[in-house]
N, C-alpha and C. Protein backbone atom coordinates (compact mmCIF):
# COMPACT_ATOMS: atom_id res chain seq x y z
N MET A 1 2.46 -3.09 -11.57
CA MET A 1 3.67 -3.56 -10.49
C MET A 1 4.13 -4.51 -9.95
N GLU A 2 5.27 -4.86 -9.40
CA GLU A 2 5.18 -6.51 -8.74
C GLU A 2 5.08 -6.01 -7.25
N VAL A 3 4.81 -7.04 -6.60
CA VAL A 3 4.08 -6.56 -5.13
C VAL A 3 5.19 -7.81 -4.29
N GLU A 4 5.73 -7.21 -3.12
CA GLU A 4 6.36 -8.37 -2.12
C GLU A 4 5.36 -7.76 -0.71
N PHE A 5 5.63 -8.53 0.30
CA PHE A 5 4.90 -8.42 1.43
C PHE A 5 5.93 -8.33 2.48
N ALA A 6 6.06 -7.34 3.60
CA ALA A 6 6.79 -7.20 4.61
C ALA A 6 6.41 -8.32 5.41
N SER A 7 5.19 -8.74 5.40
CA SER A 7 4.69 -9.47 6.51
C SER A 7 3.46 -10.66 5.90
N ASN A 8 3.47 -11.95 6.26
CA ASN A 8 2.40 -12.61 5.68
C ASN A 8 0.88 -12.64 5.92
N ASP A 9 0.78 -11.76 7.00
CA ASP A 9 -0.47 -11.21 7.55
C ASP A 9 -1.04 -10.22 6.27
N LEU A 10 -0.22 -9.27 5.74
CA LEU A 10 -0.54 -8.35 4.77
C LEU A 10 -1.11 -8.96 3.60
N GLU A 11 -0.26 -9.88 3.08
CA GLU A 11 -0.58 -11.13 2.08
C GLU A 11 -1.79 -11.75 1.95
N GLN A 12 -1.81 -12.43 3.43
CA GLN A 12 -3.20 -13.13 3.41
C GLN A 12 -4.27 -11.97 3.75
N LEU A 13 -4.24 -11.06 4.31
CA LEU A 13 -5.30 -9.81 4.31
C LEU A 13 -5.65 -9.43 2.68
N GLU A 14 -4.39 -9.60 1.75
CA GLU A 14 -5.34 -9.23 0.31
C GLU A 14 -5.91 -10.75 -0.37
N ALA A 15 -5.19 -11.60 -0.11
CA ALA A 15 -5.76 -13.12 -0.75
C ALA A 15 -6.72 -13.72 0.14
N ASP A 16 -7.39 -13.78 1.35
CA ASP A 16 -7.97 -14.47 2.08
C ASP A 16 -9.36 -13.55 2.41
N ASN A 17 -10.57 -13.91 1.76
CA ASN A 17 -11.72 -13.12 2.04
C ASN A 17 -12.46 -13.24 3.51
N THR A 18 -11.77 -14.31 4.20
CA THR A 18 -12.03 -14.45 5.30
C THR A 18 -11.24 -13.92 6.51
N PHE A 19 -10.38 -13.37 6.29
CA PHE A 19 -9.05 -13.05 7.23
C PHE A 19 -9.25 -11.41 7.36
N ASP A 20 -9.45 -10.79 8.21
CA ASP A 20 -9.44 -9.44 8.62
C ASP A 20 -8.20 -8.99 9.07
N CYS A 21 -7.12 -9.63 10.03
CA CYS A 21 -6.09 -9.03 10.65
C CYS A 21 -6.18 -8.48 11.79
N GLY A 22 -7.29 -7.94 12.39
CA GLY A 22 -7.83 -7.41 13.47
C GLY A 22 -8.40 -6.11 12.83
N PHE A 23 -8.29 -5.45 11.94
CA PHE A 23 -8.73 -4.52 11.23
C PHE A 23 -10.50 -4.33 10.79
N GLY A 24 -11.26 -3.36 10.72
CA GLY A 24 -12.44 -3.61 10.52
C GLY A 24 -12.74 -3.52 8.85
N GLN A 25 -14.03 -3.91 8.65
CA GLN A 25 -14.44 -4.46 6.85
C GLN A 25 -14.24 -3.33 5.87
N ASP A 26 -13.99 -1.74 6.56
CA ASP A 26 -13.90 -0.93 5.75
C ASP A 26 -12.25 -0.60 5.50
N ILE A 27 -11.62 -0.77 6.61
CA ILE A 27 -10.40 -1.11 6.42
C ILE A 27 -9.58 -2.13 5.21
N VAL A 28 -10.29 -3.43 5.84
CA VAL A 28 -9.75 -4.35 4.76
C VAL A 28 -10.14 -3.71 3.29
N ARG A 29 -11.52 -3.55 3.18
CA ARG A 29 -12.13 -3.51 1.94
C ARG A 29 -10.87 -2.49 1.33
N GLY A 30 -10.69 -1.24 1.76
CA GLY A 30 -9.98 -0.16 1.26
C GLY A 30 -8.44 -0.78 0.81
N TYR A 31 -7.98 -1.24 1.55
CA TYR A 31 -6.35 -1.96 1.45
C TYR A 31 -6.55 -2.82 0.15
N ARG A 32 -7.76 -3.69 0.22
CA ARG A 32 -7.97 -4.82 -1.15
C ARG A 32 -7.92 -3.47 -2.42
N LYS A 33 -8.69 -2.66 -2.15
CA LYS A 33 -8.89 -1.81 -3.61
C LYS A 33 -7.14 -1.09 -3.62
N ARG A 34 -6.64 -1.01 -2.66
CA ARG A 34 -5.49 -0.08 -2.70
C ARG A 34 -4.46 -1.09 -3.74
N MET A 35 -4.67 -2.33 -3.35
CA MET A 35 -3.60 -3.56 -3.63
C MET A 35 -3.74 -3.36 -5.22
N GLN A 36 -5.28 -3.51 -5.90
CA GLN A 36 -5.81 -3.51 -7.39
C GLN A 36 -5.16 -2.56 -7.92
N THR A 37 -5.00 -1.22 -7.36
CA THR A 37 -4.23 0.14 -7.94
C THR A 37 -3.01 -0.01 -8.20
N ILE A 38 -2.21 -0.76 -7.00
CA ILE A 38 -0.96 -0.75 -7.04
C ILE A 38 -0.45 -1.77 -7.89
N ARG A 39 -1.13 -3.25 -8.21
CA ARG A 39 -0.99 -4.13 -9.02
C ARG A 39 -0.94 -3.59 -10.39
N ALA A 40 -2.20 -2.89 -10.91
CA ALA A 40 -2.63 -2.42 -12.16
C ALA A 40 -1.70 -1.12 -12.34
N ALA A 41 -0.79 -0.65 -11.59
CA ALA A 41 0.35 0.44 -12.03
C ALA A 41 1.27 -0.06 -12.52
N LEU A 42 1.81 1.21 -13.77
CA LEU A 42 2.67 0.70 -14.55
C LEU A 42 4.11 1.40 -13.72
N ASP A 43 3.96 2.26 -13.20
CA ASP A 43 5.18 2.92 -11.91
C ASP A 43 4.45 3.74 -11.04
N GLU A 44 5.22 4.28 -10.04
CA GLU A 44 4.68 5.62 -9.20
C GLU A 44 4.26 6.45 -9.57
N ARG A 45 4.39 6.98 -11.06
CA ARG A 45 3.66 8.07 -11.38
C ARG A 45 2.19 8.01 -11.54
N ASP A 46 1.68 6.95 -11.66
CA ASP A 46 0.80 6.35 -11.84
C ASP A 46 -0.08 6.43 -10.15
N PHE A 47 0.40 6.69 -9.18
CA PHE A 47 0.14 6.71 -7.87
C PHE A 47 0.01 8.38 -7.62
N TYR A 48 0.99 9.05 -7.75
CA TYR A 48 0.74 10.59 -8.10
C TYR A 48 -0.58 10.86 -8.62
N ALA A 49 -0.54 10.49 -9.77
CA ALA A 49 -1.74 10.94 -10.74
C ALA A 49 -3.16 11.08 -10.13
N LEU A 50 -3.10 9.48 -9.08
CA LEU A 50 -4.29 9.99 -8.63
C LEU A 50 -4.28 10.46 -7.16
N LYS A 51 -4.95 11.81 -7.43
CA LYS A 51 -4.95 12.23 -6.12
C LYS A 51 -5.64 11.94 -4.62
N SER A 52 -6.59 11.25 -5.01
CA SER A 52 -7.34 10.69 -4.19
C SER A 52 -6.61 9.75 -3.37
N LEU A 53 -5.26 9.48 -4.05
CA LEU A 53 -4.55 8.30 -2.94
C LEU A 53 -3.48 9.25 -1.84
N ARG A 54 -3.63 10.19 -2.25
CA ARG A 54 -2.98 11.05 -1.46
C ARG A 54 -1.36 10.43 -1.45
N PHE A 55 -0.85 10.12 -2.08
CA PHE A 55 0.53 9.63 -2.55
C PHE A 55 1.60 10.33 -1.76
N GLU A 56 2.57 9.99 -1.10
CA GLU A 56 3.40 11.16 -0.66
C GLU A 56 4.79 10.11 -0.25
N LYS A 57 6.08 10.96 -0.27
CA LYS A 57 7.25 10.86 0.02
C LYS A 57 7.46 11.00 1.74
N LEU A 58 7.88 9.90 2.40
CA LEU A 58 7.89 10.37 4.20
C LEU A 58 9.09 10.83 4.41
N LYS A 59 9.18 11.53 5.57
CA LYS A 59 10.31 12.33 5.80
C LYS A 59 11.74 11.87 7.26
N GLY A 60 12.54 12.19 6.97
CA GLY A 60 13.69 11.91 8.00
C GLY A 60 13.83 10.41 8.06
N GLU A 61 13.71 9.60 9.16
CA GLU A 61 14.27 8.40 9.07
C GLU A 61 13.14 7.16 7.81
N ARG A 62 12.64 7.93 8.02
CA ARG A 62 11.34 7.15 7.01
C ARG A 62 11.65 7.56 5.40
N GLN A 63 12.67 8.01 5.26
CA GLN A 63 12.45 8.91 3.91
C GLN A 63 12.53 7.96 2.64
N HIS A 64 12.99 6.93 2.79
CA HIS A 64 13.00 5.55 1.89
C HIS A 64 11.27 5.35 2.01
N GLN A 65 10.24 5.44 2.51
CA GLN A 65 9.05 4.98 2.02
C GLN A 65 7.91 5.95 1.80
N TYR A 66 7.07 5.73 1.32
CA TYR A 66 5.76 6.38 1.08
C TYR A 66 4.46 6.12 2.07
N SER A 67 3.81 6.57 1.78
CA SER A 67 2.26 6.58 2.31
C SER A 67 1.04 7.11 1.44
N MET A 68 0.24 5.91 1.38
CA MET A 68 -1.07 6.37 0.62
C MET A 68 -2.23 5.85 1.02
N ARG A 69 -3.29 7.01 1.23
CA ARG A 69 -4.60 6.34 2.21
C ARG A 69 -5.52 5.43 1.83
N ILE A 70 -5.78 4.97 2.59
CA ILE A 70 -6.75 3.54 2.39
C ILE A 70 -7.68 4.45 2.70
N ASN A 71 -8.31 5.32 3.83
CA ASN A 71 -9.43 6.08 4.02
C ASN A 71 -9.08 7.67 4.97
N ASP A 72 -9.75 8.28 5.45
CA ASP A 72 -9.46 9.41 6.44
C ASP A 72 -8.34 9.07 7.22
N GLN A 73 -8.77 8.54 7.81
CA GLN A 73 -7.86 7.71 8.96
C GLN A 73 -6.70 6.91 8.80
N TRP A 74 -6.55 5.87 7.75
CA TRP A 74 -5.77 4.86 7.92
C TRP A 74 -5.05 5.01 6.66
N ARG A 75 -3.26 4.71 6.86
CA ARG A 75 -2.36 4.62 5.42
C ARG A 75 -1.85 3.51 5.24
N LEU A 76 -1.74 3.37 4.10
CA LEU A 76 -0.78 2.30 3.43
C LEU A 76 0.59 2.62 3.28
N ILE A 77 1.64 2.00 4.39
CA ILE A 77 3.13 2.63 3.79
C ILE A 77 3.95 1.67 3.08
N ILE A 78 4.57 1.77 2.12
CA ILE A 78 5.11 1.03 1.14
C ILE A 78 6.63 1.72 0.64
N GLU A 79 7.42 0.36 0.24
CA GLU A 79 8.39 0.77 -0.43
C GLU A 79 8.66 0.78 -1.80
N ILE A 80 9.44 1.53 -2.53
CA ILE A 80 9.22 1.21 -3.77
C ILE A 80 10.83 0.82 -4.22
N ILE A 81 11.05 -0.79 -4.78
CA ILE A 81 12.23 -1.02 -4.96
C ILE A 81 12.61 -0.89 -6.44
N GLU A 82 13.47 0.17 -6.87
CA GLU A 82 13.99 -0.34 -8.31
C GLU A 82 14.55 -1.66 -8.55
N ASN A 83 13.74 -1.86 -9.83
CA ASN A 83 13.94 -3.17 -10.31
C ASN A 83 13.41 -3.06 -11.84
N LYS A 84 14.52 -4.00 -12.86
CA LYS A 84 13.93 -4.10 -14.22
C LYS A 84 13.43 -5.19 -14.52
N PRO A 85 12.60 -5.08 -15.27
CA PRO A 85 12.04 -4.18 -16.14
C PRO A 85 10.78 -3.55 -15.29
N LYS A 86 10.24 -3.77 -14.09
CA LYS A 86 9.24 -3.39 -13.46
C LYS A 86 9.80 -3.42 -11.90
N ASN A 87 9.28 -1.87 -11.67
CA ASN A 87 9.85 -1.95 -9.83
C ASN A 87 8.91 -2.55 -8.98
N ILE A 88 9.63 -3.28 -7.88
CA ILE A 88 8.72 -3.80 -6.95
C ILE A 88 8.12 -2.46 -5.56
N VAL A 89 6.93 -2.88 -5.63
CA VAL A 89 6.10 -2.41 -4.40
C VAL A 89 6.40 -3.29 -3.11
N ARG A 90 6.85 -3.09 -2.15
CA ARG A 90 7.11 -3.69 -0.78
C ARG A 90 6.15 -3.18 0.14
N ILE A 91 5.02 -3.82 0.33
CA ILE A 91 3.86 -3.53 1.25
C ILE A 91 4.39 -3.48 2.78
N ILE A 92 4.58 -2.63 3.64
CA ILE A 92 5.11 -2.62 4.69
C ILE A 92 4.47 -2.75 6.13
N ARG A 93 3.21 -1.81 5.95
CA ARG A 93 2.10 -2.14 6.73
C ARG A 93 0.74 -0.96 6.83
N ILE A 94 0.08 -1.20 7.68
CA ILE A 94 -1.28 -0.28 7.46
C ILE A 94 -1.27 0.59 8.93
N GLU A 95 -1.19 1.72 8.91
CA GLU A 95 -1.21 2.70 10.28
C GLU A 95 -2.07 3.22 10.03
N ASP A 96 -2.72 3.86 11.51
CA ASP A 96 -3.41 4.94 11.76
C ASP A 96 -2.57 6.27 11.89
N TYR A 97 -3.04 7.29 11.08
CA TYR A 97 -2.78 8.56 11.27
C TYR A 97 -3.29 9.25 11.68
N HIS A 98 -4.09 8.68 13.05
CA HIS A 98 -4.92 9.98 14.33
C HIS A 98 -4.09 9.07 15.38
């Protein structure tokens, strides 16, 4: 899938091995792993197929967003933008769910 970022920090976090954006090393490692999964996916059905991601649509005012697990505590919040030939995944933020 195509990827775009809501902030430069999230883009730099994926690309720059020396940048941690204030997150712990386990979060950074999990984020980079999720980014590899996102880039390799053909569409969002691939996310649903990987049960370990716990990919789910959010509700209420955030019903246009989705979350996927980075680890037990942290989630990656994304938006999926319909586009041809490939949808675009917009990386919004990393959130603490506890």
